[in-house]
Amino acid sequence: MDPEAHLQSPKSKEKKKKHKVKYFDASIKMVKKNPQKNLPILGYTASGFDPFLNPESNNIGLYRHQEKEKRVELVVKPKGFEVDYVGTSYSGETAIGGMGSCGLLVLNKKTQLLNFVPVTANKTFRLLPLARASQISDKEPATPTIIESAEVKRQKEYELTDLYGTKDAKKKKNKAMKLRMNQDTGDAEEVDQIIEEEKMDNAALASSSSDTTRDVPPHNLSATTPEEAYLLDKIILKGEWDYVNDVLELLQAGQELKPDIYPSFVCNRFHKLVLSKDEAKKRKLAGILSYISHLVNFKNWNSLDGSSSSKHRKPPPRILSQKFTKMFIDSDKNRLADDKIGSLIGYVLVLTLFVDEFETDFTDISKDLKMSTLTIRPYFENLGCRFKRQKNVTLATLPIPLTFPTIRKKRRRGNK
């Protein structure tokens, strides 16, 4: 008899029987990635607590960033606890990365099949306890994920080139931007077609000033209200409104305007769109703000100091670029014509009057046009504006009836 047999209790013998492992042969099946199906995501906790102990009582959600769609958060909210378990794809161990690949093995005892499934992005999420309602929303965002267009990606490349590129790289970038603005003659034909399709308001134009030396935007001297003094439908043509909806799209997506892309005047008036409840007025105001942005950027790009001096880098649509080129560019010098700079500034200032209901603080638009408040005042006066002080701020206003200052000619003094 074994001398140690009498030392083993019956319970220990039962435990040994229970821990007997049953071996069987299993075939391995590799599950390939299917672009039409989502791969599984792994989450684990560093502590001994298992939030998945009772799966039915847990609220598990996967959240994706609206702009940076590669940023993902796995959130487990167990009922009866004051904390949530959160794992992210952009912080902690996941952000460090690794050389290995992750997979999930699932054994089916009945079929004796061992399925090997790759894990999405070869990453696992380390779930860390966080105070509930700390930075995680209970619902998926209502706004869908915004996928950047090729034009937006190209614009970001231009910005990186300006910041970190060599002189040769910047020169190539500038040439590429000008080629993109001048290419595709079909756009020019479309601009001509839009202009031809516009029906001229003969009654308004008959009363419009015929003084071409002043070179102000289309206007109506017989107007009885400031809104009728300048003809907005002749400044922004009917067919152009479809190309100035970028500001409205950002508003609908819940995003803010970036000051490195849009002029400060446009950014400072963005709140008016948020507060507006009339959809028609909101769409009209957003289009005017977008048009101002394109005019300011076009002016800065084509100034004597070239595009490198422009702070804002958002290129105008090709249709508007073709129109602005015809109106303001000296084709021989390939820059703004000296006698058209005042006309371009006039178009910008008139649109700012529409935005601010014909009483505008011109401090920010002066900086956008790279001018001082003193040098921009004559341009407002040339449009028939007057000035008033309100709360230590000078405002440009548009009185009715619309009148222009007389152009004084210098007299030559004869020799005595």
Protein backbone atom coordinates (compact mmCIF):
# COMPACT_ATOMS: atom_id res chain seq x y z
CA MET A 1 0.00 0.00 0.00
CA ASP A 2 1.22 3.48 -0.82
CA PRO A 3 2.33 5.17 2.42
CA GLU A 4 0.92 8.53 1.26
CA ALA A 5 -2.44 7.14 0.27
CA HIS A 6 -3.86 7.35 3.80
CA LEU A 7 -2.87 11.07 3.94
CA GLN A 8 -5.10 12.04 0.96
CA SER A 9 -8.65 12.97 1.89
CA PRO A 10 -11.65 11.94 -0.25
CA LYS A 11 -12.23 15.64 -1.16
CA SER A 12 -8.73 15.96 -2.62
CA LYS A 13 -9.37 12.90 -4.76
CA GLU A 14 -12.59 14.49 -6.05
CA LYS A 15 -10.75 17.71 -6.91
CA LYS A 16 -8.20 15.76 -8.91
CA LYS A 17 -11.00 14.11 -10.85
CA LYS A 18 -12.66 17.48 -11.61
CA HIS A 19 -9.43 19.01 -12.92
CA LYS A 20 -8.82 16.29 -15.42
CA VAL A 21 -8.39 17.91 -18.84
CA LYS A 22 -10.08 16.43 -21.85
CA TYR A 23 -7.99 16.67 -24.96
CA PHE A 24 -9.36 16.53 -28.49
CA ASP A 25 -8.15 17.38 -31.96
CA ALA A 26 -9.30 20.70 -33.48
CA SER A 27 -8.80 22.16 -36.90
CA ILE A 28 -7.76 25.83 -37.24
CA LYS A 29 -9.62 28.17 -39.55
CA MET A 30 -8.13 31.57 -40.47
CA VAL A 31 -10.85 34.19 -40.94
CA LYS A 32 -9.80 36.75 -43.53
CA LYS A 33 -10.64 40.43 -43.37
CA ASN A 34 -13.89 41.39 -45.07
CA PRO A 35 -14.22 45.10 -45.97
CA GLN A 36 -18.02 44.80 -45.66
CA LYS A 37 -17.85 43.55 -42.06
CA ASN A 38 -16.44 45.08 -38.91
CA LEU A 39 -13.61 43.30 -37.16
CA PRO A 40 -13.87 42.58 -33.41
CA ILE A 41 -12.34 44.91 -30.84
CA LEU A 42 -10.56 43.67 -27.72
CA GLY A 43 -10.76 45.39 -24.36
CA TYR A 44 -9.12 44.38 -21.08
CA THR A 45 -8.72 45.75 -17.57
CA ALA A 46 -5.46 45.96 -15.66
CA SER A 47 -7.15 45.38 -12.28
CA GLY A 48 -8.80 42.23 -11.03
CA PHE A 49 -12.30 43.66 -11.56
CA ASP A 50 -14.10 42.26 -14.57
CA PRO A 51 -16.68 44.72 -15.96
CA PHE A 52 -17.87 41.99 -18.32
CA LEU A 53 -18.80 39.61 -15.51
CA ASN A 54 -22.48 40.25 -16.20
CA PRO A 55 -22.71 41.33 -19.87
CA GLU A 56 -26.46 41.92 -19.72
CA SER A 57 -26.09 44.66 -17.10
CA ASN A 58 -23.38 46.54 -19.03
CA ASN A 59 -23.80 49.33 -21.53
CA ILE A 60 -21.01 49.01 -24.09
CA GLY A 61 -20.44 51.63 -26.77
CA LEU A 62 -17.89 52.48 -29.43
CA TYR A 63 -17.44 56.20 -30.18
CA ARG A 64 -15.64 57.80 -33.11
CA HIS A 65 -14.33 61.38 -33.38
CA GLN A 66 -16.31 63.56 -35.82
CA GLU A 67 -13.25 65.06 -37.53
CA LYS A 68 -10.42 62.60 -36.78
CA GLU A 69 -12.18 59.36 -37.62
CA LYS A 70 -9.17 57.23 -36.62
CA ARG A 71 -9.70 58.25 -32.99
CA VAL A 72 -11.92 55.65 -31.33
CA GLU A 73 -13.06 55.18 -27.72
CA LEU A 74 -14.39 51.94 -26.24
CA VAL A 75 -16.63 52.67 -23.24
CA VAL A 76 -18.10 50.14 -20.79
CA LYS A 77 -20.69 51.43 -18.31
CA PRO A 78 -21.49 48.69 -15.76
CA LYS A 79 -24.73 49.21 -13.87
CA GLY A 80 -24.43 49.73 -10.15
CA PHE A 81 -20.99 51.33 -10.34
CA GLU A 82 -19.91 54.98 -10.17
CA VAL A 83 -17.18 54.64 -12.78
CA ASP A 84 -16.95 53.92 -16.49
CA TYR A 85 -14.20 51.86 -18.09
CA VAL A 86 -12.74 53.71 -21.07
CA GLY A 87 -10.10 52.67 -23.58
CA THR A 88 -8.83 54.91 -26.39
CA SER A 89 -6.96 54.34 -29.62
CA TYR A 90 -4.94 57.56 -29.28
CA SER A 91 -3.52 57.43 -25.74
CA GLY A 92 -1.77 55.02 -23.40
CA GLU A 93 -0.40 51.71 -24.62
CA THR A 94 -2.47 51.78 -27.81
CA ALA A 95 -0.83 54.99 -29.00
CA ILE A 96 2.67 53.58 -28.50
CA GLY A 97 2.15 50.90 -31.11
CA GLY A 98 3.92 47.60 -31.52
CA MET A 99 5.50 45.29 -34.02
CA GLY A 100 3.17 42.34 -33.36
CA SER A 101 -0.32 41.63 -34.62
CA CYS A 102 -3.32 40.78 -32.47
CA GLY A 103 -5.96 38.17 -33.05
CA LEU A 104 -8.91 36.51 -31.37
CA LEU A 105 -9.24 32.71 -31.04
CA VAL A 106 -12.74 31.26 -30.73
CA LEU A 107 -13.16 27.54 -30.04
CA ASN A 108 -16.33 25.71 -31.04
CA LYS A 109 -16.41 22.47 -29.01
CA LYS A 110 -19.20 20.92 -31.00
CA THR A 111 -17.55 21.30 -34.37
CA GLN A 112 -14.03 21.17 -32.90
CA LEU A 113 -13.13 24.20 -34.96
CA LEU A 114 -10.70 26.88 -33.77
CA ASN A 115 -11.41 30.19 -35.53
CA PHE A 116 -8.62 32.77 -35.69
CA VAL A 117 -10.00 36.30 -36.26
CA PRO A 118 -7.73 39.36 -36.69
CA VAL A 119 -8.43 42.30 -34.39
CA THR A 120 -9.25 45.68 -35.95
CA ALA A 121 -6.11 47.76 -36.57
CA ASN A 122 -4.14 45.15 -34.61
CA LYS A 123 -4.92 47.02 -31.40
CA THR A 124 -6.40 46.27 -28.03
CA PHE A 125 -7.94 48.76 -25.61
CA ARG A 126 -6.79 48.94 -22.03
CA LEU A 127 -9.91 49.96 -20.10
CA LEU A 128 -9.19 52.42 -17.30
CA PRO A 129 -11.75 53.50 -14.68
CA LEU A 130 -12.96 57.08 -15.05
CA ALA A 131 -15.57 59.06 -13.16
CA ARG A 132 -18.93 58.75 -14.86
CA ALA A 133 -19.94 61.55 -17.26
CA SER A 134 -16.34 62.76 -17.37
CA GLN A 135 -15.91 63.34 -21.08
CA ILE A 136 -17.93 60.64 -22.74
CA SER A 137 -21.33 61.29 -24.25
CA ASP A 138 -24.18 58.84 -23.76
CA LYS A 139 -25.13 58.90 -27.41
CA GLU A 140 -23.37 58.75 -30.72
CA PRO A 141 -22.91 62.23 -32.22
CA ALA A 142 -25.81 63.28 -34.41
CA THR A 143 -23.45 64.82 -36.96
CA PRO A 144 -21.92 62.18 -39.27
CA THR A 145 -18.17 61.81 -39.58
CA ILE A 146 -16.82 64.38 -42.00
CA ILE A 147 -14.43 62.91 -44.55
CA GLU A 148 -11.94 65.44 -45.85
CA SER A 149 -12.15 66.10 -49.56
CA ALA A 150 -9.13 66.09 -51.85
CA GLU A 151 -9.25 69.90 -51.98
CA VAL A 152 -9.06 70.17 -48.18
CA LYS A 153 -6.15 67.71 -48.01
CA ARG A 154 -4.35 69.64 -50.75
CA GLN A 155 -4.90 72.86 -48.81
CA LYS A 156 -3.34 71.32 -45.67
CA GLU A 157 -0.31 70.30 -47.73
CA TYR A 158 0.04 73.90 -48.89
CA GLU A 159 -0.10 75.11 -45.27
CA LEU A 160 2.59 72.62 -44.19
CA THR A 161 4.76 73.70 -47.11
CA ASP A 162 4.47 77.34 -46.03
CA LEU A 163 5.46 76.44 -42.48
CA TYR A 164 8.25 73.89 -43.00
CA GLY A 165 9.02 73.75 -46.73
CA THR A 166 12.18 74.92 -48.47
CA LYS A 167 12.26 77.93 -50.78
CA ASP A 168 12.05 75.66 -53.84
CA ALA A 169 9.10 73.80 -52.36
CA LYS A 170 7.29 77.09 -51.68
CA LYS A 171 7.93 78.29 -55.23
CA LYS A 172 6.53 75.05 -56.66
CA LYS A 173 3.52 75.36 -54.37
CA ASN A 174 2.83 78.92 -55.52
CA LYS A 175 3.08 77.90 -59.18
CA ALA A 176 0.75 74.98 -58.57
CA MET A 177 -1.82 77.25 -56.91
CA LYS A 178 -1.75 79.72 -59.81
CA LEU A 179 -2.05 76.91 -62.35
CA ARG A 180 -5.06 75.52 -60.52
CA MET A 181 -6.67 78.96 -60.49
CA ASN A 182 -6.09 79.57 -64.21
CA GLN A 183 -6.64 76.08 -65.64
CA ASP A 184 -9.81 74.62 -67.09
CA THR A 185 -11.12 77.16 -69.58
CA GLY A 186 -14.51 75.54 -69.26
CA ASP A 187 -14.97 77.41 -65.99
CA ALA A 188 -14.45 80.71 -67.78
CA GLU A 189 -17.19 79.79 -70.24
CA GLU A 190 -19.47 78.95 -67.35
CA VAL A 191 -18.76 82.35 -65.78
CA ASP A 192 -19.67 84.06 -69.05
CA GLN A 193 -22.84 82.00 -69.25
CA ILE A 194 -23.83 83.00 -65.69
CA ILE A 195 -23.26 86.68 -66.48
CA GLU A 196 -25.22 86.46 -69.73
CA GLU A 197 -28.13 84.71 -68.03
CA GLU A 198 -28.46 87.58 -65.53
CA LYS A 199 -31.32 89.89 -66.50
CA MET A 200 -30.33 93.50 -66.03
CA ASP A 201 -32.59 95.74 -63.97
CA ASN A 202 -32.80 98.63 -66.43
CA ALA A 203 -34.71 100.91 -64.07
CA ALA A 204 -32.09 100.54 -61.34
CA LEU A 205 -29.14 100.79 -63.69
CA ALA A 206 -30.56 103.87 -65.37
CA SER A 207 -30.36 105.72 -62.08
CA SER A 208 -26.95 104.27 -61.32
CA SER A 209 -23.94 106.54 -61.42
CA SER A 210 -22.18 106.81 -64.74
CA ASP A 211 -18.97 108.07 -63.20
CA THR A 212 -16.54 105.34 -64.23
CA THR A 213 -13.57 107.02 -62.57
CA ARG A 214 -15.13 106.33 -59.18
CA ASP A 215 -15.44 102.61 -60.02
CA VAL A 216 -17.85 101.57 -57.24
CA PRO A 217 -20.00 98.42 -57.21
CA PRO A 218 -23.42 98.46 -58.96
CA HIS A 219 -25.70 100.90 -57.13
CA ASN A 220 -29.00 102.77 -57.30
CA LEU A 221 -29.05 106.51 -56.58
CA SER A 222 -32.85 106.56 -56.28
CA ALA A 223 -32.91 103.97 -53.48
CA THR A 224 -35.02 104.79 -50.45
CA THR A 225 -33.41 102.25 -48.09
CA PRO A 226 -29.76 101.27 -47.51
CA GLU A 227 -30.58 97.71 -48.65
CA GLU A 228 -31.50 99.03 -52.10
CA ALA A 229 -28.57 101.43 -52.44
CA TYR A 230 -26.17 98.75 -53.64
CA LEU A 231 -27.45 95.97 -55.89
CA LEU A 232 -26.51 92.74 -54.15
CA ASP A 233 -27.88 90.60 -56.99
CA LYS A 234 -25.44 92.36 -59.35
CA ILE A 235 -22.50 91.87 -56.99
CA ILE A 236 -23.16 88.19 -56.27
CA LEU A 237 -24.81 86.80 -59.37
CA LYS A 238 -27.61 84.29 -59.17
CA GLY A 239 -25.49 81.41 -60.45
CA GLU A 240 -22.69 82.13 -57.95
CA TRP A 241 -24.64 81.43 -54.76
CA ASP A 242 -24.14 77.69 -55.23
CA TYR A 243 -20.37 78.20 -54.93
CA VAL A 244 -20.37 80.18 -51.67
CA ASN A 245 -21.93 77.66 -49.29
CA ASP A 246 -18.75 76.56 -47.46
CA VAL A 247 -19.46 78.73 -44.39
CA LEU A 248 -23.02 77.39 -44.18
CA GLU A 249 -21.77 73.80 -44.43
CA LEU A 250 -19.37 74.35 -41.53
CA LEU A 251 -22.24 75.81 -39.50
CA GLN A 252 -24.46 72.81 -40.24
CA ALA A 253 -21.62 70.44 -39.30
CA GLY A 254 -21.25 72.15 -35.91
CA GLN A 255 -17.73 73.41 -36.66
CA GLU A 256 -16.14 76.81 -36.16
CA LEU A 257 -14.24 78.87 -38.71
CA LYS A 258 -10.47 78.58 -38.54
CA PRO A 259 -8.74 81.99 -38.34
CA ASP A 260 -5.82 80.72 -40.43
CA ILE A 261 -8.22 80.06 -43.32
CA TYR A 262 -10.95 82.70 -42.99
CA PRO A 263 -10.48 86.48 -42.48
CA SER A 264 -11.00 87.82 -38.99
CA PHE A 265 -14.05 89.83 -40.12
CA VAL A 266 -15.78 86.62 -41.22
CA CYS A 267 -14.81 84.74 -38.05
CA ASN A 268 -16.02 87.59 -35.84
CA ARG A 269 -19.46 87.59 -37.54
CA PHE A 270 -19.95 83.81 -37.48
CA HIS A 271 -22.06 84.13 -34.32
CA LYS A 272 -24.71 85.97 -36.31
CA LEU A 273 -25.38 82.78 -38.24
CA VAL A 274 -25.72 80.80 -35.02
CA LEU A 275 -28.23 83.27 -33.60
CA SER A 276 -30.26 83.63 -36.80
CA LYS A 277 -33.50 81.62 -36.84
CA ASP A 278 -34.62 82.56 -40.36
CA GLU A 279 -33.16 79.93 -42.69
CA ALA A 280 -33.39 82.16 -45.78
CA LYS A 281 -31.57 85.04 -44.08
CA LYS A 282 -29.03 82.63 -42.60
CA ARG A 283 -28.22 81.17 -46.02
CA LYS A 284 -27.92 84.66 -47.54
CA LEU A 285 -25.66 85.94 -44.74
CA ALA A 286 -23.44 82.83 -44.93
CA GLY A 287 -23.04 83.33 -48.69
CA ILE A 288 -22.02 86.98 -48.24
CA LEU A 289 -19.45 86.02 -45.59
CA SER A 290 -18.01 83.37 -47.88
CA TYR A 291 -17.86 85.85 -50.78
CA ILE A 292 -16.00 88.37 -48.60
CA SER A 293 -13.50 85.66 -47.68
CA HIS A 294 -12.82 84.82 -51.33
CA LEU A 295 -12.39 88.49 -52.29
CA VAL A 296 -9.97 89.18 -49.41
CA ASN A 297 -7.90 86.08 -50.14
CA PHE A 298 -7.82 86.89 -53.86
CA LYS A 299 -6.63 90.43 -53.13
CA ASN A 300 -3.86 89.28 -50.80
CA TRP A 301 -2.70 86.51 -53.14
CA ASN A 302 -2.32 88.85 -56.10
CA SER A 303 -0.75 91.83 -54.36
CA LEU A 304 2.76 93.04 -55.12
CA ASP A 305 4.29 90.94 -52.33
CA GLY A 306 2.78 87.79 -53.81
CA SER A 307 0.89 84.91 -52.28
CA SER A 308 3.52 84.37 -49.58
CA SER A 309 2.25 87.43 -47.74
CA SER A 310 -1.29 86.11 -47.49
CA LYS A 311 -2.28 84.80 -44.08
CA HIS A 312 -5.38 83.03 -45.32
CA ARG A 313 -4.92 80.08 -47.64
CA LYS A 314 -8.38 78.98 -48.73
CA PRO A 315 -8.55 79.20 -52.54
CA PRO A 316 -11.76 80.53 -54.11
CA PRO A 317 -13.85 78.31 -56.38
CA ARG A 318 -12.59 78.34 -59.94
CA ILE A 319 -15.67 80.12 -61.22
CA LEU A 320 -15.13 83.02 -58.82
CA SER A 321 -11.39 82.99 -59.49
CA GLN A 322 -12.04 83.39 -63.22
CA LYS A 323 -14.48 86.22 -62.57
CA PHE A 324 -12.11 88.06 -60.22
CA THR A 325 -9.26 87.63 -62.69
CA LYS A 326 -11.28 89.29 -65.45
CA MET A 327 -12.36 92.12 -63.19
CA PHE A 328 -9.21 92.98 -61.23
CA ILE A 329 -6.07 91.37 -62.70
CA ASP A 330 -3.58 93.03 -65.05
CA SER A 331 -2.86 90.21 -67.51
CA ASP A 332 0.51 91.68 -68.53
CA LYS A 333 1.87 91.89 -64.99
CA ASN A 334 -0.13 88.91 -63.66
CA ARG A 335 -1.12 90.82 -60.52
CA LEU A 336 -3.77 93.27 -59.38
CA ALA A 337 -4.17 96.18 -61.75
CA ASP A 338 -3.26 99.47 -60.10
CA ASP A 339 -6.53 101.07 -61.20
CA LYS A 340 -8.62 98.10 -59.98
CA ILE A 341 -7.39 97.72 -56.40
CA GLY A 342 -9.82 100.39 -55.21
CA SER A 343 -12.67 98.64 -57.02
CA LEU A 344 -11.91 95.31 -55.31
CA ILE A 345 -11.73 96.98 -51.90
CA GLY A 346 -15.04 98.70 -52.66
CA TYR A 347 -16.72 95.36 -53.32
CA VAL A 348 -15.43 94.01 -50.00
CA LEU A 349 -16.55 97.04 -47.99
CA VAL A 350 -20.03 97.07 -49.53
CA LEU A 351 -20.53 93.45 -48.53
CA THR A 352 -19.37 94.21 -44.98
CA LEU A 353 -22.09 96.86 -44.82
CA PHE A 354 -24.70 94.24 -45.73
CA VAL A 355 -23.42 91.92 -43.00
CA ASP A 356 -23.45 94.61 -40.27
CA GLU A 357 -26.77 96.13 -41.37
CA PHE A 358 -25.05 99.23 -42.78
CA GLU A 359 -23.28 100.23 -39.56
CA THR A 360 -19.93 98.46 -39.46
CA ASP A 361 -16.87 98.54 -37.26
CA PHE A 362 -14.10 98.31 -39.87
CA THR A 363 -11.20 97.51 -37.52
CA ASP A 364 -10.95 93.81 -38.39
CA ILE A 365 -11.60 94.13 -42.14
CA SER A 366 -8.80 96.74 -42.28
CA LYS A 367 -6.35 94.18 -40.89
CA ASP A 368 -7.62 91.54 -43.30
CA LEU A 369 -6.96 93.88 -46.25
CA LYS A 370 -3.54 94.78 -44.75
CA MET A 371 -4.56 98.41 -44.30
CA SER A 372 -4.89 100.78 -41.37
CA THR A 373 -8.22 102.21 -40.23
CA LEU A 374 -7.08 105.63 -41.42
CA THR A 375 -6.17 104.50 -44.95
CA ILE A 376 -9.44 102.61 -45.37
CA ARG A 377 -11.67 105.56 -44.44
CA PRO A 378 -11.39 107.25 -47.90
CA TYR A 379 -12.65 104.03 -49.52
CA PHE A 380 -15.77 104.12 -47.34
CA GLU A 381 -16.24 107.81 -48.18
CA ASN A 382 -15.94 106.96 -51.86
CA LEU A 383 -18.91 104.60 -51.39
CA GLY A 384 -21.04 107.39 -49.92
CA CYS A 385 -20.52 106.41 -46.28
CA ARG A 386 -20.27 108.64 -43.26
CA PHE A 387 -18.79 107.99 -39.82
CA LYS A 388 -20.06 108.19 -36.27
CA ARG A 389 -18.68 107.41 -32.81
CA GLN A 390 -20.50 104.90 -30.64
CA LYS A 391 -19.08 103.54 -27.39
CA ASN A 392 -15.56 104.68 -28.31
CA VAL A 393 -15.81 102.85 -31.65
CA THR A 394 -15.90 104.49 -35.08
CA LEU A 395 -18.63 103.06 -37.30
CA ALA A 396 -19.06 103.50 -41.05
CA THR A 397 -22.72 104.09 -41.94
CA LEU A 398 -24.56 104.36 -45.25
CA PRO A 399 -27.04 107.27 -45.30
CA ILE A 400 -29.92 107.63 -47.75
CA PRO A 401 -30.17 109.08 -50.35
CA LEU A 402 -26.91 107.69 -51.69
CA THR A 403 -24.54 110.51 -52.61
CA PHE A 404 -20.89 110.46 -53.58
CA PRO A 405 -18.27 113.07 -52.65
CA THR A 406 -17.23 115.38 -55.45
CA ILE A 407 -13.85 114.66 -56.96
CA ARG A 408 -11.69 117.71 -56.58
CA LYS A 409 -9.11 118.45 -59.23
CA LYS A 410 -5.93 120.23 -58.30
CA ARG A 411 -5.44 123.60 -59.95
CA ARG A 412 -2.10 124.42 -61.50
CA ARG A 413 -0.70 127.69 -60.39
CA GLY A 414 0.78 129.78 -63.16
CA ASN A 415 4.17 131.47 -62.91
CA LYS A 416 3.94 135.03 -61.64
